[in-house]
Protein backbone atom coordinates (compact mmCIF):
# COMPACT_ATOMS: atom_id res chain seq x y z
CA UNK A 1 -11.07 89.08 153.05
CA UNK A 2 -13.55 91.58 151.33
CA UNK A 3 -17.15 91.78 150.52
CA UNK A 4 -18.50 93.00 147.20
CA UNK A 5 -21.10 95.72 147.20
CA UNK A 6 -22.46 93.84 144.27
CA UNK A 7 -23.98 91.61 146.75
CA UNK A 8 -26.50 94.39 147.55
CA UNK A 9 -27.61 94.97 144.11
CA UNK A 10 -31.27 94.30 144.74
CA UNK A 11 -31.16 97.09 147.32
CA UNK A 12 -29.37 99.39 144.90
CA UNK A 13 -32.19 98.69 142.41
CA UNK A 14 -34.93 99.34 144.86
CA UNK A 15 -33.20 102.77 145.42
CA UNK A 16 -34.72 103.40 148.92
CA UNK A 17 -31.38 104.98 149.83
CA UNK A 18 -28.43 106.05 147.80
CA UNK A 19 -26.20 103.24 146.56
CA UNK A 20 -23.13 105.13 148.16
CA UNK A 21 -25.00 104.77 151.59
CA UNK A 22 -25.59 101.10 150.95
CA UNK A 23 -21.93 100.47 150.33
CA UNK A 24 -20.73 102.50 153.33
CA UNK A 25 -23.14 100.51 155.44
CA UNK A 26 -21.29 97.32 154.59
CA UNK A 27 -18.43 98.57 156.68
CA UNK A 28 -20.43 100.34 159.21
CA UNK A 29 -22.43 97.30 159.96
CA UNK A 30 -19.34 95.22 160.46
CA UNK A 31 -19.93 92.81 157.59
CA UNK A 32 -16.36 93.54 156.23
CA UNK A 33 -13.80 96.26 156.54
CA UNK A 34 -12.65 96.10 152.95
CA UNK A 35 -15.18 96.33 150.13
CA UNK A 36 -15.23 95.90 146.42
CA UNK A 37 -17.48 98.56 144.68
CA UNK A 38 -18.86 98.95 141.12
CA UNK A 39 -18.14 102.46 139.87
CA UNK A 40 -21.43 102.78 137.95
CA UNK A 41 -23.32 102.02 141.06
CA UNK A 42 -21.58 104.26 143.85
CA UNK A 43 -20.73 107.23 141.77
CA UNK A 44 -23.53 109.09 139.93
CA UNK A 45 -20.94 111.14 137.96
CA UNK A 46 -19.67 107.77 136.39
CA UNK A 47 -18.14 107.31 133.82
CA UNK A 48 -15.96 110.32 134.86
CA UNK A 49 -16.36 110.29 138.64
CA UNK A 50 -15.82 113.67 140.11
CA UNK A 51 -13.09 114.24 142.64
CA UNK A 52 -15.70 115.66 145.23
CA UNK A 53 -17.91 112.54 144.94
CA UNK A 54 -15.05 110.19 145.17
CA UNK A 55 -13.47 111.99 148.14
CA UNK A 56 -16.80 112.14 149.98
CA UNK A 57 -17.31 108.49 149.54
CA UNK A 58 -13.62 107.66 150.58
CA UNK A 59 -14.10 109.82 153.83
CA UNK A 60 -17.44 108.37 154.77
CA UNK A 61 -16.20 104.73 154.28
CA UNK A 62 -12.92 105.62 156.24
CA UNK A 63 -15.02 107.06 159.09
CA UNK A 64 -17.03 103.77 159.24
CA UNK A 65 -13.84 101.76 159.55
CA UNK A 66 -13.77 100.74 155.91
CA UNK A 67 -11.69 100.85 152.70
CA UNK A 68 -12.09 100.15 149.04
CA UNK A 69 -10.28 97.06 147.80
CA UNK A 70 -11.00 96.96 144.03
CA UNK A 71 -13.34 99.11 141.79
CA UNK A 72 -15.33 97.41 139.20
CA UNK A 73 -14.75 99.51 136.09
CA UNK A 74 -16.44 99.68 132.59
CA UNK A 75 -14.77 99.80 129.18
CA UNK A 76 -17.29 100.84 126.59
CA UNK A 77 -15.90 99.91 123.30
CA UNK A 78 -18.59 101.76 121.18
CA UNK A 79 -18.77 105.58 120.60
CA UNK A 80 -22.07 104.94 118.84
CA UNK A 81 -24.09 101.89 117.56
CA UNK A 82 -21.98 102.12 114.49
CA UNK A 83 -18.61 103.37 115.42
CA UNK A 84 -16.07 101.65 117.66
CA UNK A 85 -13.75 103.70 119.76
CA UNK A 86 -10.24 104.07 118.68
CA UNK A 87 -7.67 102.67 121.16
CA UNK A 88 -6.94 106.25 122.38
CA UNK A 89 -10.63 106.85 122.94
CA UNK A 90 -10.97 103.59 124.85
CA UNK A 91 -8.01 104.66 127.08
CA UNK A 92 -9.65 108.05 127.47
CA UNK A 93 -12.92 106.31 128.65
CA UNK A 94 -11.07 104.22 131.22
CA UNK A 95 -8.46 106.80 132.74
CA UNK A 96 -10.98 108.75 134.78
CA UNK A 97 -12.08 105.48 136.39
CA UNK A 98 -8.32 104.60 137.06
CA UNK A 99 -7.91 108.07 138.61
CA UNK A 100 -11.10 107.47 140.67
CA UNK A 101 -9.86 104.25 141.96
CA UNK A 102 -6.56 105.81 143.01
CA UNK A 103 -8.25 108.68 144.65
CA UNK A 104 -10.53 106.27 146.54
CA UNK A 105 -7.48 104.35 147.73
CA UNK A 106 -8.32 101.12 145.97
CA UNK A 107 -5.77 98.70 144.80
CA UNK A 108 -6.96 98.83 141.19
CA UNK A 109 -9.93 98.38 138.78
CA UNK A 110 -11.49 95.18 137.48
CA UNK A 111 -12.53 94.76 133.78
CA UNK A 112 -13.35 91.54 131.87
CA UNK A 113 -10.57 89.13 130.88
CA UNK A 114 -9.38 89.82 127.34
CA UNK A 115 -11.38 93.07 126.81
CA UNK A 116 -8.63 95.59 126.98
CA UNK A 117 -6.35 93.82 124.35
CA UNK A 118 -2.63 94.34 123.84
CA UNK A 119 -2.69 97.86 122.34
CA UNK A 120 -4.90 99.37 125.23
CA UNK A 121 -2.62 97.62 127.85
CA UNK A 122 0.39 99.17 126.25
CA UNK A 123 -1.23 102.62 126.50
CA UNK A 124 -2.47 102.12 129.96
CA UNK A 125 0.95 101.01 131.45
CA UNK A 126 2.31 104.54 132.09
CA UNK A 127 -0.98 105.78 133.52
CA UNK A 128 -1.30 102.63 135.94
CA UNK A 129 2.40 103.24 136.91
CA UNK A 130 1.64 106.97 137.50
CA UNK A 131 -1.31 106.35 139.54
CA UNK A 132 0.07 103.11 141.37
CA UNK A 133 -2.99 101.06 140.53
CA UNK A 134 -3.53 97.49 138.97
CA UNK A 135 -5.66 96.54 136.19
CA UNK A 136 -7.17 93.27 136.97
CA UNK A 137 -8.63 91.08 134.10
CA UNK A 138 -11.39 88.98 135.49
CA UNK A 139 -11.89 85.49 134.26
CA UNK A 140 -14.90 83.66 135.24
CA UNK A 141 -17.78 81.25 134.52
CA UNK A 142 -17.50 79.13 131.23
CA UNK A 143 -14.29 80.88 130.12
CA UNK A 144 -11.50 78.17 129.62
CA UNK A 145 -7.88 78.43 128.80
CA UNK A 146 -8.31 75.88 125.78
CA UNK A 147 -10.18 78.72 123.90
CA UNK A 148 -7.75 80.32 121.48
CA UNK A 149 -8.76 84.04 122.30
CA UNK A 150 -8.37 83.28 126.13
CA UNK A 151 -5.07 81.43 125.67
CA UNK A 152 -3.77 84.30 123.47
CA UNK A 153 -4.83 87.00 126.09
CA UNK A 154 -2.97 84.96 128.78
CA UNK A 155 0.25 84.69 126.67
CA UNK A 156 0.10 88.58 126.22
CA UNK A 157 -0.08 88.97 129.95
CA UNK A 158 2.88 86.56 130.57
CA UNK A 159 4.85 88.49 127.96
CA UNK A 160 4.08 91.89 129.48
CA UNK A 161 4.98 90.64 132.92
CA UNK A 162 3.77 93.79 134.49
CA UNK A 163 2.89 93.76 138.28
CA UNK A 164 0.25 96.52 137.43
CA UNK A 165 -1.63 94.20 135.03
CA UNK A 166 -2.86 91.11 136.83
CA UNK A 167 -5.53 88.39 136.73
CA UNK A 168 -8.62 88.16 138.98
CA UNK A 169 -10.11 84.57 139.19
CA UNK A 170 -13.84 84.16 139.85
CA UNK A 171 -14.30 80.65 141.19
CA UNK A 172 -17.58 80.43 139.23
CA UNK A 173 -15.15 78.53 136.95
CA UNK A 174 -14.81 75.73 139.56
CA UNK A 175 -18.35 74.75 140.18
CA UNK A 176 -18.61 70.97 141.19
CA UNK A 177 -22.33 71.18 141.15
CA UNK A 178 -25.15 73.67 140.48
CA UNK A 179 -26.78 75.46 143.48
CA UNK A 180 -30.13 73.71 144.52
CA UNK A 181 -31.85 76.96 144.64
CA UNK A 182 -31.25 77.60 141.12
CA UNK A 183 -32.33 74.17 140.00
CA UNK A 184 -35.62 74.74 141.88
CA UNK A 185 -36.10 77.94 140.08
CA UNK A 186 -35.74 76.12 136.83
CA UNK A 187 -38.31 73.49 137.94
CA UNK A 188 -40.82 76.17 138.99
CA UNK A 189 -40.28 77.78 135.72
CA UNK A 190 -41.15 74.82 133.70
CA UNK A 191 -37.91 73.54 132.39
CA UNK A 192 -38.01 69.90 131.35
CA UNK A 193 -37.67 67.67 134.33
CA UNK A 194 -35.34 65.20 132.74
CA UNK A 195 -32.77 68.10 131.96
CA UNK A 196 -33.07 69.36 135.43
CA UNK A 197 -32.29 66.06 136.99
CA UNK A 198 -29.33 65.64 134.60
CA UNK A 199 -28.10 69.07 135.72
CA UNK A 200 -28.48 68.04 139.16
CA UNK A 201 -26.56 64.77 139.04
CA UNK A 202 -24.30 65.25 135.97
CA UNK A 203 -23.39 68.95 135.79
CA UNK A 204 -20.02 68.41 134.47
CA UNK A 205 -20.77 65.78 131.77
CA UNK A 206 -20.13 67.00 128.17
CA UNK A 207 -23.48 65.27 127.35
CA UNK A 208 -25.31 67.62 129.73
CA UNK A 209 -23.78 70.69 128.13
CA UNK A 210 -24.92 69.41 124.85
CA UNK A 211 -28.49 68.76 126.19
CA UNK A 212 -28.56 72.45 127.39
CA UNK A 213 -27.67 73.60 124.02
CA UNK A 214 -30.03 71.56 122.23
CA UNK A 215 -32.95 72.71 124.52
CA UNK A 216 -32.14 76.26 123.91
CA UNK A 217 -31.87 75.78 120.07
CA UNK A 218 -35.09 73.78 119.98
CA UNK A 219 -37.05 76.63 121.73
CA UNK A 220 -37.90 74.36 124.71
CA UNK A 221 -36.75 77.04 127.40
CA UNK A 222 -40.02 78.67 128.90
CA UNK A 223 -39.71 82.45 128.39
CA UNK A 224 -40.08 83.32 132.03
CA UNK A 225 -36.84 81.61 132.87
CA UNK A 226 -34.89 82.35 129.67
CA UNK A 227 -32.50 84.77 131.23
CA UNK A 228 -31.84 82.48 134.23
CA UNK A 229 -31.30 79.52 131.87
CA UNK A 230 -28.44 81.36 130.16
CA UNK A 231 -26.49 81.10 133.34
CA UNK A 232 -25.83 77.55 132.20
CA UNK A 233 -23.89 78.77 129.21
CA UNK A 234 -22.10 81.89 130.76
CA UNK A 235 -21.94 82.19 134.31
CA UNK A 236 -21.51 78.56 135.61
CA UNK A 237 -18.22 76.96 135.05
CA UNK A 238 -17.06 73.38 134.88
CA UNK A 239 -13.33 73.65 135.21
CA UNK A 240 -10.92 71.86 137.62
CA UNK A 241 -8.31 73.76 139.65
CA UNK A 242 -5.36 72.03 137.83
CA UNK A 243 -6.75 73.81 134.58
CA UNK A 244 -6.09 77.03 136.21
CA UNK A 245 -2.64 76.53 136.88
CA UNK A 246 -1.11 78.71 134.32
CA UNK A 247 -3.13 81.75 135.66
CA UNK A 248 -1.90 81.38 139.20
CA UNK A 249 1.45 83.25 138.94
CA UNK A 250 -0.38 86.24 137.48
CA UNK A 251 -3.42 86.18 139.84
CA UNK A 252 -3.71 89.11 142.53
CA UNK A 253 -7.41 88.81 143.24
CA UNK A 254 -10.18 86.20 143.66
CA UNK A 255 -13.94 86.42 143.73
CA UNK A 256 -15.26 83.74 146.04
CA UNK A 257 -18.60 83.54 144.01
CA UNK A 258 -21.26 81.65 145.61
CA UNK A 259 -25.08 81.34 144.63
CA UNK A 260 -26.62 80.00 147.66
CA UNK A 261 -25.18 78.65 151.00
CA UNK A 262 -26.14 74.90 150.62
CA UNK A 263 -22.78 73.21 151.00
CA UNK A 264 -23.82 69.68 150.53
CA UNK A 265 -20.96 67.61 149.41
CA UNK A 266 -18.85 70.86 149.49
CA UNK A 267 -20.36 72.44 146.57
CA UNK A 268 -19.59 75.82 147.90
CA UNK A 269 -16.55 75.29 150.15
CA UNK A 270 -14.54 72.86 148.11
CA UNK A 271 -13.76 75.40 145.27
CA UNK A 272 -12.74 77.88 147.99
CA UNK A 273 -10.35 75.37 149.56
CA UNK A 274 -8.98 74.37 146.16
CA UNK A 275 -8.21 77.85 145.08
CA UNK A 276 -6.67 78.64 148.40
CA UNK A 277 -4.37 75.69 148.46
CA UNK A 278 -3.33 76.44 144.93
CA UNK A 279 -2.59 80.18 145.49
CA UNK A 280 -0.74 79.23 148.73
CA UNK A 281 1.94 77.73 146.59
CA UNK A 282 2.41 80.89 144.56
CA UNK A 283 2.91 83.22 147.45
CA UNK A 284 -0.40 84.92 146.84
CA UNK A 285 -1.04 88.15 148.59
CA UNK A 286 -4.05 89.69 146.97
CA UNK A 287 -7.85 90.07 147.85
CA UNK A 288 -10.39 87.36 148.53
CA UNK A 289 -13.75 88.73 147.90
CA UNK A 290 -17.24 87.40 148.80
CA UNK A 291 -19.33 87.85 145.82
CA UNK A 292 -23.00 86.59 145.60
CA UNK A 293 -24.56 86.00 142.41
CA UNK A 294 -27.70 84.18 143.79
CA UNK A 295 -29.59 87.51 144.42
CA UNK A 296 -30.82 87.12 140.80
CA UNK A 297 -33.39 84.59 142.10
CA UNK A 298 -33.16 84.60 145.89
CA UNK A 299 -34.86 87.00 148.14
CA UNK A 300 -32.56 86.93 151.12
CA UNK A 301 -30.84 89.74 153.35
CA UNK A 302 -27.42 90.51 151.66
CA UNK A 303 -25.78 91.32 155.00
CA UNK A 304 -26.79 87.98 156.64
CA UNK A 305 -25.90 86.07 153.55
CA UNK A 306 -22.66 87.68 153.08
CA UNK A 307 -21.50 87.34 156.78
CA UNK A 308 -22.47 83.59 156.67
CA UNK A 309 -20.56 83.07 153.33
CA UNK A 310 -17.44 84.86 154.85
CA UNK A 311 -17.44 82.67 157.92
CA UNK A 312 -17.65 79.50 155.60
CA UNK A 313 -14.96 80.83 153.39
CA UNK A 314 -12.64 81.42 156.32
CA UNK A 315 -13.24 77.77 157.61
CA UNK A 316 -12.66 76.50 154.05
CA UNK A 317 -9.44 78.36 153.72
CA UNK A 318 -8.27 77.43 157.18
CA UNK A 319 -9.05 73.68 156.48
CA UNK A 320 -7.14 73.98 153.26
CA UNK A 321 -4.17 75.47 155.03
CA UNK A 322 -3.96 72.73 157.61
CA UNK A 323 -4.16 70.06 154.86
CA UNK A 324 -1.26 71.59 153.13
CA UNK A 325 1.25 71.42 156.01
């Protein structure tokens, strides 16, 4: 069980103390002993983290009783606004981050699902093997396996069958209902009440999805909540665990994504139990990371919130384990 330093993003933005100090504090304060970090947040020398900066961070984290699980990497596909990087240039952009992750003692680095593509994966394989790190492709939110590009990428991963290239599932794909705190923000922002009520009671219905798109196309989203509204089309998923079955044999990491801690009808705990039970059948031995996305609209203490979520997650996983016996 890990905690993501992403949960502390509001503190990073306020910049009252360095991002590396905030990340080390997660372990020092006893929130979690293993943490997932974002390379672009903790290392000022990013995208080519210096050995000295990486070493200093690793040593400070170890002194606090902590270690890095996964490093969130970046793959910038464009050398300029008009020129896309070649595959060799894309690899050259990624390799310093792979080396930094290995130096930090991480299991590997995380990139968006499908972004590397087959040629970059082929070029990266010997580097991953040399460094002993894993490249995780993260699938999340509204991504589904019935989309041709997603299905094709999964097939490529199956064909590669390389233990150094694996999937990370974000359980934002498995949302049975929307977070109440989010719906309240939409209401306060002036989104049509009829649509909010539909989102509240019929989140997974295809008709609700069509209503969201129509509202956007017709310009009926108040400007103040436009960015927040886009979560409905990107970050919030409506899949069932059975639909993720083809991913499970390749999965070595999970983001236990949550938005708030309102667990009415198991809206937070049920997806955790579902993914835990499913992965139990595959012999999963990877990382389970608490990742909080609700700081986008909630002003809450990240340490307290993450501790509470980790406690909830442990209970949900334990219950799923008992049920499976």
